[in-house]
Amino acid sequence: MRLTERDRRALVLLAAAVVVILILRFGFFQNGQTKVVPAADSIPAAERRLAKLRQIAATVPGKQAVYRQVQAELASRDRGVITADTAAQAQAQLLQVVRRIGKEEGIDVRGGEFGPVQGLGDEYGEVSAAVSFECPIEKLVNFLAALTKESQLLATNEIRTGAANMKEKTVTVRLALAGVVPRKLVPEKKGIASF
């Protein structure tokens, strides 16, 4: 096999390129050592930066203590939030609380209409349930007082009363209640309604 003139020139250029690369590699960077460049900043400037960093580092324990205090306060406030995996479970828990209190006060709580889950600020949502019952007025007052003693964040949205039995002095009551839930249970609006 014979080499043409063109192939010989290519081999000569390749050999020259290899020599140049070897000279650059081993000539400028001897034994893989790099040159040490002096710092551009002066010693007083470095000392000032160090003092500033120490001041910032000294504030970290205080900030952590404040953070722990805020976390504890948030946990105590969130204790009243109804915890559930779904909005329907939260509504069922709300209805269960109302029926339990009614049973303790001697009231037969009936029904259980659920309203839509709505947003309540940026972090919370609101579930609602409406119930109906008939009772004497004093039991209604005791029932409402017992609702305020609950650990969950509950509120009455609507109370409608009407005369039921004049002889027994009872009233019919339709009561709409709301409870606070985490924001994750509120369904996100989609489409044009979200604007």
N, C-alpha and C. Protein backbone atom coordinates (compact mmCIF):
# COMPACT_ATOMS: atom_id res chain seq x y z
N MET A 1 0.85 -1.15 0.00
CA MET A 1 0.00 0.00 0.00
C MET A 1 0.91 1.23 0.00
N ARG A 2 0.60 2.11 -0.88
CA ARG A 2 1.41 3.30 -1.05
C ARG A 2 0.66 4.50 -0.50
N LEU A 3 1.43 5.41 0.10
CA LEU A 3 0.85 6.64 0.62
C LEU A 3 0.94 7.71 -0.44
N THR A 4 -0.14 8.41 -0.61
CA THR A 4 -0.13 9.51 -1.57
C THR A 4 0.49 10.73 -0.93
N GLU A 5 0.75 11.71 -1.75
CA GLU A 5 1.34 12.97 -1.25
C GLU A 5 0.42 13.62 -0.22
N ARG A 6 -0.84 13.55 -0.46
CA ARG A 6 -1.84 14.14 0.45
C ARG A 6 -1.81 13.45 1.80
N ASP A 7 -1.71 12.14 1.84
CA ASP A 7 -1.68 11.38 3.09
C ASP A 7 -0.41 11.69 3.87
N ARG A 8 0.74 11.84 3.17
CA ARG A 8 1.99 12.17 3.85
C ARG A 8 1.90 13.52 4.52
N ARG A 9 1.33 14.51 3.82
CA ARG A 9 1.17 15.85 4.43
C ARG A 9 0.27 15.79 5.66
N ALA A 10 -0.77 15.00 5.62
CA ALA A 10 -1.68 14.87 6.76
C ALA A 10 -0.96 14.24 7.95
N LEU A 11 -0.11 13.24 7.69
CA LEU A 11 0.64 12.61 8.77
C LEU A 11 1.66 13.57 9.37
N VAL A 12 2.30 14.38 8.55
CA VAL A 12 3.27 15.36 9.06
C VAL A 12 2.55 16.39 9.92
N LEU A 13 1.42 16.89 9.47
CA LEU A 13 0.63 17.86 10.26
C LEU A 13 0.15 17.25 11.57
N LEU A 14 -0.25 15.99 11.56
CA LEU A 14 -0.68 15.31 12.77
C LEU A 14 0.47 15.18 13.75
N ALA A 15 1.65 14.81 13.27
CA ALA A 15 2.82 14.68 14.14
C ALA A 15 3.20 16.03 14.72
N ALA A 16 3.13 17.10 13.93
CA ALA A 16 3.44 18.44 14.42
C ALA A 16 2.44 18.87 15.49
N ALA A 17 1.17 18.55 15.29
CA ALA A 17 0.14 18.92 16.26
C ALA A 17 0.35 18.18 17.57
N VAL A 18 0.73 16.91 17.51
CA VAL A 18 0.99 16.13 18.73
C VAL A 18 2.16 16.73 19.49
N VAL A 19 3.21 17.13 18.79
CA VAL A 19 4.38 17.73 19.43
C VAL A 19 3.99 19.04 20.12
N VAL A 20 3.22 19.87 19.44
CA VAL A 20 2.78 21.15 20.02
C VAL A 20 1.94 20.91 21.27
N ILE A 21 1.05 19.97 21.22
CA ILE A 21 0.19 19.65 22.38
C ILE A 21 1.03 19.15 23.54
N LEU A 22 2.01 18.30 23.28
CA LEU A 22 2.87 17.80 24.35
C LEU A 22 3.70 18.92 24.96
N ILE A 23 4.19 19.85 24.15
CA ILE A 23 4.97 20.98 24.67
C ILE A 23 4.09 21.85 25.55
N LEU A 24 2.85 22.13 25.10
CA LEU A 24 1.93 22.97 25.89
C LEU A 24 1.57 22.27 27.21
N ARG A 25 1.32 21.00 27.13
CA ARG A 25 0.89 20.26 28.32
C ARG A 25 2.00 20.19 29.36
N PHE A 26 3.16 19.78 28.96
CA PHE A 26 4.24 19.56 29.92
C PHE A 26 5.14 20.77 30.09
N GLY A 27 5.06 21.71 29.21
CA GLY A 27 5.90 22.90 29.32
C GLY A 27 5.29 23.93 30.26
N PHE A 28 4.00 24.17 30.16
CA PHE A 28 3.35 25.20 30.97
C PHE A 28 2.84 24.65 32.31
N PHE A 29 2.39 23.44 32.32
CA PHE A 29 1.85 22.84 33.54
C PHE A 29 2.79 21.72 33.98
N GLN A 30 3.86 22.06 34.60
CA GLN A 30 4.88 21.10 34.99
C GLN A 30 4.40 20.25 36.15
N ASN A 31 4.50 18.95 35.98
CA ASN A 31 4.17 17.96 37.01
C ASN A 31 2.76 18.12 37.55
N GLY A 32 1.84 18.66 36.80
CA GLY A 32 0.45 18.79 37.24
C GLY A 32 0.24 19.84 38.31
N GLN A 33 1.26 20.63 38.64
CA GLN A 33 1.12 21.65 39.67
C GLN A 33 0.61 22.92 39.04
N THR A 34 -0.28 23.59 39.76
CA THR A 34 -0.79 24.87 39.29
C THR A 34 -0.13 25.97 40.09
N LYS A 35 -0.10 27.13 39.52
CA LYS A 35 0.53 28.26 40.19
C LYS A 35 -0.40 28.81 41.25
N VAL A 36 0.15 29.22 42.36
CA VAL A 36 -0.61 29.83 43.44
C VAL A 36 -0.69 31.32 43.18
N VAL A 37 -1.93 31.81 43.15
CA VAL A 37 -2.16 33.22 42.88
C VAL A 37 -2.45 33.89 44.22
N PRO A 38 -1.81 35.02 44.50
CA PRO A 38 -2.08 35.69 45.77
C PRO A 38 -3.50 36.23 45.81
N ALA A 39 -4.06 36.32 47.00
CA ALA A 39 -5.43 36.81 47.19
C ALA A 39 -5.53 38.25 46.73
N ALA A 40 -6.66 38.57 46.11
CA ALA A 40 -6.86 39.92 45.61
C ALA A 40 -7.25 40.86 46.74
N ASP A 41 -7.88 40.32 47.80
CA ASP A 41 -8.31 41.15 48.93
C ASP A 41 -7.18 41.33 49.93
N SER A 42 -7.29 42.39 50.64
CA SER A 42 -6.29 42.63 51.68
C SER A 42 -6.73 41.93 52.96
N ILE A 43 -5.83 41.82 53.90
CA ILE A 43 -6.11 41.16 55.17
C ILE A 43 -7.20 41.89 55.95
N PRO A 44 -7.21 43.22 56.05
CA PRO A 44 -8.29 43.89 56.78
C PRO A 44 -9.67 43.65 56.17
N ALA A 45 -9.76 43.58 54.84
CA ALA A 45 -11.05 43.31 54.20
C ALA A 45 -11.53 41.90 54.54
N ALA A 46 -10.60 40.94 54.54
CA ALA A 46 -10.96 39.57 54.89
C ALA A 46 -11.39 39.48 56.35
N GLU A 47 -10.74 40.23 57.23
CA GLU A 47 -11.12 40.23 58.63
C GLU A 47 -12.52 40.83 58.82
N ARG A 48 -12.85 41.88 58.05
CA ARG A 48 -14.19 42.47 58.13
C ARG A 48 -15.26 41.49 57.67
N ARG A 49 -14.97 40.76 56.57
CA ARG A 49 -15.92 39.75 56.09
C ARG A 49 -16.11 38.66 57.12
N LEU A 50 -15.02 38.23 57.75
CA LEU A 50 -15.09 37.20 58.77
C LEU A 50 -15.91 37.68 59.96
N ALA A 51 -15.73 38.92 60.39
CA ALA A 51 -16.51 39.47 61.51
C ALA A 51 -18.00 39.52 61.17
N LYS A 52 -18.30 39.90 59.93
CA LYS A 52 -19.71 39.96 59.51
C LYS A 52 -20.33 38.56 59.49
N LEU A 53 -19.59 37.58 58.98
CA LEU A 53 -20.09 36.21 58.97
C LEU A 53 -20.29 35.67 60.38
N ARG A 54 -19.43 36.03 61.30
CA ARG A 54 -19.59 35.60 62.69
C ARG A 54 -20.84 36.22 63.31
N GLN A 55 -21.12 37.49 62.98
CA GLN A 55 -22.34 38.13 63.49
C GLN A 55 -23.58 37.42 62.96
N ILE A 56 -23.57 37.09 61.69
CA ILE A 56 -24.71 36.38 61.09
C ILE A 56 -24.86 35.01 61.74
N ALA A 57 -23.76 34.31 61.94
CA ALA A 57 -23.81 32.98 62.56
C ALA A 57 -24.30 33.06 64.00
N ALA A 58 -24.00 34.16 64.69
CA ALA A 58 -24.45 34.31 66.09
C ALA A 58 -25.95 34.48 66.18
N THR A 59 -26.61 34.95 65.13
CA THR A 59 -28.07 35.13 65.17
C THR A 59 -28.84 33.85 64.88
N VAL A 60 -28.18 32.83 64.38
CA VAL A 60 -28.85 31.59 64.01
C VAL A 60 -29.56 30.92 65.19
N PRO A 61 -28.95 30.75 66.37
CA PRO A 61 -29.68 30.11 67.47
C PRO A 61 -30.93 30.90 67.87
N GLY A 62 -30.87 32.21 67.85
CA GLY A 62 -32.05 33.01 68.18
C GLY A 62 -33.16 32.82 67.17
N LYS A 63 -32.78 32.78 65.89
CA LYS A 63 -33.79 32.57 64.84
C LYS A 63 -34.40 31.18 64.94
N GLN A 64 -33.58 30.20 65.30
CA GLN A 64 -34.11 28.85 65.46
C GLN A 64 -35.08 28.78 66.64
N ALA A 65 -34.79 29.49 67.72
CA ALA A 65 -35.70 29.52 68.87
C ALA A 65 -37.03 30.17 68.50
N VAL A 66 -36.98 31.26 67.75
CA VAL A 66 -38.20 31.92 67.31
C VAL A 66 -38.99 30.99 66.39
N TYR A 67 -38.29 30.30 65.51
CA TYR A 67 -38.94 29.37 64.59
C TYR A 67 -39.65 28.25 65.37
N ARG A 68 -38.99 27.69 66.37
CA ARG A 68 -39.61 26.63 67.18
C ARG A 68 -40.83 27.17 67.92
N GLN A 69 -40.76 28.41 68.44
CA GLN A 69 -41.88 29.01 69.15
C GLN A 69 -43.07 29.21 68.20
N VAL A 70 -42.80 29.68 67.00
CA VAL A 70 -43.87 29.89 66.02
C VAL A 70 -44.48 28.56 65.61
N GLN A 71 -43.66 27.54 65.42
CA GLN A 71 -44.16 26.21 65.08
C GLN A 71 -45.07 25.66 66.18
N ALA A 72 -44.67 25.85 67.45
CA ALA A 72 -45.49 25.38 68.57
C ALA A 72 -46.82 26.13 68.63
N GLU A 73 -46.78 27.43 68.39
CA GLU A 73 -48.01 28.22 68.40
C GLU A 73 -48.93 27.81 67.27
N LEU A 74 -48.37 27.57 66.09
CA LEU A 74 -49.17 27.11 64.95
C LEU A 74 -49.78 25.75 65.24
N ALA A 75 -49.01 24.86 65.85
CA ALA A 75 -49.54 23.53 66.17
C ALA A 75 -50.69 23.64 67.16
N SER A 76 -50.59 24.55 68.14
CA SER A 76 -51.68 24.69 69.11
C SER A 76 -52.92 25.28 68.46
N ARG A 77 -52.74 26.17 67.49
CA ARG A 77 -53.89 26.75 66.78
C ARG A 77 -54.51 25.73 65.83
N ASP A 78 -53.69 24.93 65.21
CA ASP A 78 -54.19 23.94 64.26
C ASP A 78 -54.80 22.72 64.95
N ARG A 79 -54.74 22.66 66.25
CA ARG A 79 -55.31 21.54 66.98
C ARG A 79 -56.81 21.43 66.73
N GLY A 80 -57.49 22.54 66.49
CA GLY A 80 -58.93 22.54 66.28
C GLY A 80 -59.34 22.26 64.85
N VAL A 81 -58.39 22.13 63.94
CA VAL A 81 -58.72 21.86 62.55
C VAL A 81 -59.14 20.40 62.42
N ILE A 82 -60.21 20.17 61.68
CA ILE A 82 -60.70 18.81 61.46
C ILE A 82 -59.74 18.11 60.50
N THR A 83 -59.17 17.00 60.94
CA THR A 83 -58.23 16.27 60.11
C THR A 83 -58.92 15.09 59.46
N ALA A 84 -58.82 15.01 58.15
CA ALA A 84 -59.42 13.92 57.39
C ALA A 84 -58.67 13.81 56.07
N ASP A 85 -58.84 12.66 55.41
CA ASP A 85 -58.18 12.45 54.12
C ASP A 85 -58.95 13.10 52.98
N THR A 86 -60.28 13.17 53.11
CA THR A 86 -61.10 13.77 52.06
C THR A 86 -62.08 14.75 52.68
N ALA A 87 -62.67 15.57 51.84
CA ALA A 87 -63.66 16.54 52.31
C ALA A 87 -64.91 15.83 52.82
N ALA A 88 -65.29 14.75 52.18
CA ALA A 88 -66.48 14.00 52.62
C ALA A 88 -66.26 13.42 54.03
N GLN A 89 -65.06 12.95 54.31
CA GLN A 89 -64.77 12.42 55.65
C GLN A 89 -64.82 13.55 56.68
N ALA A 90 -64.34 14.73 56.31
CA ALA A 90 -64.39 15.87 57.23
C ALA A 90 -65.83 16.27 57.52
N GLN A 91 -66.67 16.25 56.49
CA GLN A 91 -68.08 16.56 56.70
C GLN A 91 -68.75 15.52 57.58
N ALA A 92 -68.40 14.26 57.40
CA ALA A 92 -68.95 13.20 58.23
C ALA A 92 -68.51 13.36 59.68
N GLN A 93 -67.25 13.77 59.90
CA GLN A 93 -66.78 14.03 61.27
C GLN A 93 -67.55 15.18 61.91
N LEU A 94 -67.82 16.23 61.13
CA LEU A 94 -68.59 17.36 61.63
C LEU A 94 -69.98 16.91 62.02
N LEU A 95 -70.61 16.12 61.19
CA LEU A 95 -71.95 15.62 61.49
C LEU A 95 -71.92 14.70 62.71
N GLN A 96 -70.89 13.92 62.84
CA GLN A 96 -70.75 13.02 63.99
C GLN A 96 -70.63 13.81 65.29
N VAL A 97 -69.88 14.90 65.29
CA VAL A 97 -69.74 15.76 66.47
C VAL A 97 -71.09 16.36 66.85
N VAL A 98 -71.82 16.84 65.87
CA VAL A 98 -73.13 17.44 66.13
C VAL A 98 -74.09 16.41 66.72
N ARG A 99 -74.10 15.22 66.16
CA ARG A 99 -75.00 14.17 66.68
C ARG A 99 -74.60 13.74 68.09
N ARG A 100 -73.29 13.66 68.35
CA ARG A 100 -72.84 13.29 69.69
C ARG A 100 -73.27 14.33 70.72
N ILE A 101 -73.09 15.60 70.40
CA ILE A 101 -73.48 16.65 71.33
C ILE A 101 -75.00 16.63 71.52
N GLY A 102 -75.73 16.42 70.43
CA GLY A 102 -77.18 16.33 70.53
C GLY A 102 -77.61 15.19 71.43
N LYS A 103 -76.95 14.07 71.30
CA LYS A 103 -77.28 12.91 72.14
C LYS A 103 -76.99 13.22 73.61
N GLU A 104 -75.86 13.90 73.88
CA GLU A 104 -75.52 14.27 75.26
C GLU A 104 -76.55 15.23 75.85
N GLU A 105 -77.17 16.08 75.02
CA GLU A 105 -78.15 17.05 75.50
C GLU A 105 -79.57 16.52 75.42
N GLY A 106 -79.73 15.29 74.95
CA GLY A 106 -81.07 14.70 74.88
C GLY A 106 -81.86 15.19 73.66
N ILE A 107 -81.17 15.47 72.58
CA ILE A 107 -81.82 15.96 71.36
C ILE A 107 -81.59 14.94 70.25
N ASP A 108 -82.66 14.63 69.53
CA ASP A 108 -82.58 13.70 68.41
C ASP A 108 -82.26 14.50 67.15
N VAL A 109 -80.96 14.56 66.80
CA VAL A 109 -80.52 15.32 65.63
C VAL A 109 -80.76 14.45 64.39
N ARG A 110 -81.50 15.00 63.43
CA ARG A 110 -81.84 14.26 62.22
C ARG A 110 -81.24 14.96 61.01
N GLY A 111 -81.23 14.23 59.94
CA GLY A 111 -80.77 14.80 58.68
C GLY A 111 -79.27 14.96 58.64
N GLY A 112 -78.83 15.55 57.62
CA GLY A 112 -77.41 15.79 57.44
C GLY A 112 -77.14 16.21 56.02
N GLU A 113 -77.48 17.43 55.70
CA GLU A 113 -77.23 17.95 54.37
C GLU A 113 -75.85 18.60 54.36
N PHE A 114 -75.08 18.25 53.36
CA PHE A 114 -73.72 18.79 53.27
C PHE A 114 -73.66 19.88 52.21
N GLY A 115 -72.98 20.97 52.56
CA GLY A 115 -72.78 22.06 51.61
C GLY A 115 -71.45 21.90 50.90
N PRO A 116 -71.17 22.79 49.97
CA PRO A 116 -69.89 22.70 49.25
C PRO A 116 -68.72 23.06 50.16
N VAL A 117 -67.57 22.49 49.85
CA VAL A 117 -66.34 22.81 50.58
C VAL A 117 -65.80 24.10 49.98
N GLN A 118 -65.53 25.08 50.83
CA GLN A 118 -65.09 26.38 50.36
C GLN A 118 -63.74 26.72 50.96
N GLY A 119 -63.04 27.64 50.30
CA GLY A 119 -61.77 28.12 50.81
C GLY A 119 -62.00 29.08 51.96
N LEU A 120 -61.08 29.07 52.90
CA LEU A 120 -61.15 29.96 54.06
C LEU A 120 -59.76 30.55 54.22
N GLY A 121 -59.50 31.65 53.55
CA GLY A 121 -58.16 32.22 53.54
C GLY A 121 -57.26 31.43 52.61
N ASP A 122 -55.96 31.57 52.81
CA ASP A 122 -55.00 30.90 51.94
C ASP A 122 -54.61 29.52 52.44
N GLU A 123 -54.79 29.25 53.73
CA GLU A 123 -54.28 28.02 54.31
C GLU A 123 -55.36 27.03 54.75
N TYR A 124 -56.61 27.44 54.79
CA TYR A 124 -57.65 26.59 55.34
C TYR A 124 -58.85 26.51 54.41
N GLY A 125 -59.72 25.57 54.71
CA GLY A 125 -60.97 25.41 54.00
C GLY A 125 -62.09 25.29 55.02
N GLU A 126 -63.33 25.25 54.51
CA GLU A 126 -64.49 25.20 55.39
C GLU A 126 -65.46 24.15 54.86
N VAL A 127 -65.83 23.20 55.73
CA VAL A 127 -66.86 22.22 55.39
C VAL A 127 -68.11 22.59 56.17
N SER A 128 -69.26 22.27 55.60
CA SER A 128 -70.51 22.63 56.28
C SER A 128 -71.49 21.47 56.25
N ALA A 129 -72.37 21.49 57.23
CA ALA A 129 -73.44 20.49 57.34
C ALA A 129 -74.64 21.15 57.98
N ALA A 130 -75.82 20.76 57.55
CA ALA A 130 -77.06 21.29 58.13
C ALA A 130 -77.85 20.14 58.72
N VAL A 131 -78.41 20.36 59.90
CA VAL A 131 -79.19 19.34 60.60
C VAL A 131 -80.51 19.96 61.06
N SER A 132 -81.46 19.10 61.35
CA SER A 132 -82.76 19.54 61.86
C SER A 132 -83.11 18.74 63.09
N PHE A 133 -83.81 19.38 64.02
CA PHE A 133 -84.28 18.67 65.21
C PHE A 133 -85.37 19.49 65.88
N GLU A 134 -86.04 18.84 66.83
CA GLU A 134 -87.08 19.48 67.61
C GLU A 134 -86.73 19.30 69.09
N CYS A 135 -86.82 20.40 69.85
CA CYS A 135 -86.45 20.32 71.27
C CYS A 135 -87.02 21.53 72.01
N PRO A 136 -87.02 21.48 73.33
CA PRO A 136 -87.37 22.67 74.11
C PRO A 136 -86.27 23.72 73.94
N ILE A 137 -86.62 24.97 74.13
CA ILE A 137 -85.68 26.07 73.91
C ILE A 137 -84.47 25.98 74.83
N GLU A 138 -84.65 25.53 76.06
CA GLU A 138 -83.52 25.44 76.99
C GLU A 138 -82.50 24.39 76.53
N LYS A 139 -82.98 23.30 75.89
CA LYS A 139 -82.04 22.30 75.37
C LYS A 139 -81.27 22.86 74.17
N LEU A 140 -81.93 23.71 73.39
CA LEU A 140 -81.25 24.36 72.27
C LEU A 140 -80.12 25.25 72.78
N VAL A 141 -80.40 26.00 73.84
CA VAL A 141 -79.36 26.87 74.42
C VAL A 141 -78.21 26.03 74.96
N ASN A 142 -78.51 24.94 75.64
CA ASN A 142 -77.47 24.06 76.16
C ASN A 142 -76.67 23.42 75.03
N PHE A 143 -77.36 23.07 73.95
CA PHE A 143 -76.70 22.49 72.78
C PHE A 143 -75.70 23.47 72.17
N LEU A 144 -76.12 24.72 71.99
CA LEU A 144 -75.24 25.73 71.43
C LEU A 144 -74.06 26.02 72.36
N ALA A 145 -74.30 25.99 73.67
CA ALA A 145 -73.20 26.20 74.63
C ALA A 145 -72.22 25.03 74.56
N ALA A 146 -72.72 23.81 74.39
CA ALA A 146 -71.84 22.64 74.29
C ALA A 146 -71.01 22.69 73.01
N LEU A 147 -71.55 23.28 71.95
CA LEU A 147 -70.78 23.41 70.71
C LEU A 147 -69.54 24.28 70.92
N THR A 148 -69.66 25.30 71.75
CA THR A 148 -68.52 26.20 71.98
C THR A 148 -67.42 25.53 72.79
N LYS A 149 -67.74 24.48 73.51
CA LYS A 149 -66.75 23.78 74.33
C LYS A 149 -65.95 22.75 73.55
N GLU A 150 -66.33 22.50 72.32
CA GLU A 150 -65.64 21.50 71.51
C GLU A 150 -64.22 21.96 71.17
N SER A 151 -63.32 20.99 71.04
CA SER A 151 -61.93 21.32 70.71
C SER A 151 -61.77 21.68 69.24
N GLN A 152 -62.67 21.21 68.39
CA GLN A 152 -62.60 21.55 66.98
C GLN A 152 -63.12 22.96 66.74
N LEU A 153 -62.62 23.56 65.68
CA LEU A 153 -63.06 24.90 65.31
C LEU A 153 -64.39 24.80 64.57
N LEU A 154 -65.49 24.98 65.30
CA LEU A 154 -66.83 24.90 64.75
C LEU A 154 -67.53 26.24 64.89
N ALA A 155 -68.43 26.51 63.97
CA ALA A 155 -69.22 27.74 64.05
C ALA A 155 -70.59 27.48 63.47
N THR A 156 -71.58 28.18 63.99
CA THR A 156 -72.92 28.09 63.42
C THR A 156 -73.05 29.14 62.33
N ASN A 157 -73.48 28.71 61.17
CA ASN A 157 -73.69 29.63 60.05
C ASN A 157 -75.11 30.16 60.03
N GLU A 158 -76.04 29.32 60.42
CA GLU A 158 -77.44 29.68 60.30
C GLU A 158 -78.26 28.91 61.33
N ILE A 159 -79.18 29.61 61.96
CA ILE A 159 -80.13 28.97 62.88
C ILE A 159 -81.52 29.45 62.51
N ARG A 160 -82.40 28.51 62.23
CA ARG A 160 -83.80 28.84 61.96
C ARG A 160 -84.65 28.09 62.99
N THR A 161 -85.49 28.81 63.64
CA THR A 161 -86.37 28.19 64.63
C THR A 161 -87.81 28.51 64.31
N GLY A 162 -88.68 27.64 64.74
CA GLY A 162 -90.12 27.83 64.57
C GLY A 162 -90.85 27.07 65.66
N ALA A 163 -92.06 27.48 65.96
CA ALA A 163 -92.85 26.81 67.00
C ALA A 163 -93.26 25.43 66.52
N ALA A 164 -93.12 24.44 67.40
CA ALA A 164 -93.47 23.07 67.04
C ALA A 164 -94.69 22.60 67.82
N ASN A 165 -94.57 22.53 69.13
CA ASN A 165 -95.66 22.04 69.97
C ASN A 165 -95.85 23.04 71.10
N MET A 166 -96.98 23.75 71.07
CA MET A 166 -97.23 24.80 72.07
C MET A 166 -97.42 24.21 73.47
N LYS A 167 -98.02 23.02 73.57
CA LYS A 167 -98.26 22.41 74.88
C LYS A 167 -96.95 22.02 75.55
N GLU A 168 -96.04 21.43 74.79
CA GLU A 168 -94.77 21.00 75.35
C GLU A 168 -93.70 22.08 75.25
N LYS A 169 -94.04 23.19 74.62
CA LYS A 169 -93.14 24.33 74.44
C LYS A 169 -91.83 23.93 73.76
N THR A 170 -91.98 23.27 72.59
CA THR A 170 -90.80 22.88 71.81
C THR A 170 -90.73 23.72 70.54
N VAL A 171 -89.53 23.76 69.99
CA VAL A 171 -89.30 24.49 68.74
C VAL A 171 -88.63 23.56 67.74
N THR A 172 -88.89 23.82 66.46
CA THR A 172 -88.15 23.10 65.42
C THR A 172 -86.94 23.94 65.07
N VAL A 173 -85.84 23.28 64.89
CA VAL A 173 -84.58 23.99 64.64
C VAL A 173 -83.92 23.42 63.39
N ARG A 174 -83.50 24.32 62.54
CA ARG A 174 -82.61 23.94 61.42
C ARG A 174 -81.31 24.68 61.66
N LEU A 175 -80.23 23.92 61.81
CA LEU A 175 -78.95 24.48 62.21
C LEU A 175 -77.90 24.13 61.15
N ALA A 176 -77.24 25.16 60.64
CA ALA A 176 -76.14 24.95 59.69
C ALA A 176 -74.84 25.24 60.41
N LEU A 177 -73.92 24.28 60.38
CA LEU A 177 -72.64 24.39 61.06
C LEU A 177 -71.49 24.33 60.06
N ALA A 178 -70.36 24.92 60.42
CA ALA A 178 -69.16 24.87 59.59
C ALA A 178 -67.98 24.49 60.45
N GLY A 179 -67.03 23.78 59.84
CA GLY A 179 -65.81 23.39 60.52
C GLY A 179 -64.61 23.72 59.64
N VAL A 180 -63.47 23.96 60.26
CA VAL A 180 -62.25 24.33 59.55
C VAL A 180 -61.46 23.08 59.20
N VAL A 181 -60.99 23.02 57.94
CA VAL A 181 -60.19 21.89 57.45
C VAL A 181 -58.93 22.43 56.76
N PRO A 182 -57.93 21.58 56.53
CA PRO A 182 -56.75 22.04 55.78
C PRO A 182 -57.12 22.40 54.35
N ARG A 183 -56.36 23.28 53.75
CA ARG A 183 -56.64 23.78 52.40
C ARG A 183 -56.58 22.67 51.35
N LYS A 184 -55.83 21.62 51.61
CA LYS A 184 -55.68 20.54 50.62
C LYS A 184 -57.00 19.83 50.33
N LEU A 185 -58.00 19.96 51.22
CA LEU A 185 -59.28 19.31 51.00
C LEU A 185 -60.23 20.14 50.13
N VAL A 186 -59.87 21.39 49.87
CA VAL A 186 -60.71 22.25 49.05
C VAL A 186 -60.44 21.95 47.59
N PRO A 187 -61.47 21.60 46.81
CA PRO A 187 -61.24 21.31 45.39
C PRO A 187 -60.84 22.58 44.65
N GLU A 188 -59.92 22.42 43.71
CA GLU A 188 -59.47 23.57 42.94
C GLU A 188 -60.47 23.83 41.82
N LYS A 189 -60.74 25.12 41.59
CA LYS A 189 -61.67 25.49 40.54
C LYS A 189 -60.95 25.40 39.20
N LYS A 190 -61.64 24.86 38.21
CA LYS A 190 -61.05 24.73 36.89
C LYS A 190 -61.92 25.46 35.89
N GLY A 191 -61.31 25.85 34.80
CA GLY A 191 -62.05 26.49 33.73
C GLY A 191 -62.20 27.97 33.93
N ILE A 192 -63.27 28.52 33.39
CA ILE A 192 -63.51 29.95 33.41
C ILE A 192 -63.78 30.44 34.82
N ALA A 193 -64.39 29.63 35.65
CA ALA A 193 -64.72 30.04 37.02
C ALA A 193 -63.48 30.34 37.84
N SER A 194 -62.32 29.83 37.46
CA SER A 194 -61.10 30.06 38.25
C SER A 194 -60.53 31.45 38.03
N PHE A 195 -60.99 32.16 37.01
CA PHE A 195 -60.50 33.53 36.79
C PHE A 195 -61.19 34.43 37.74
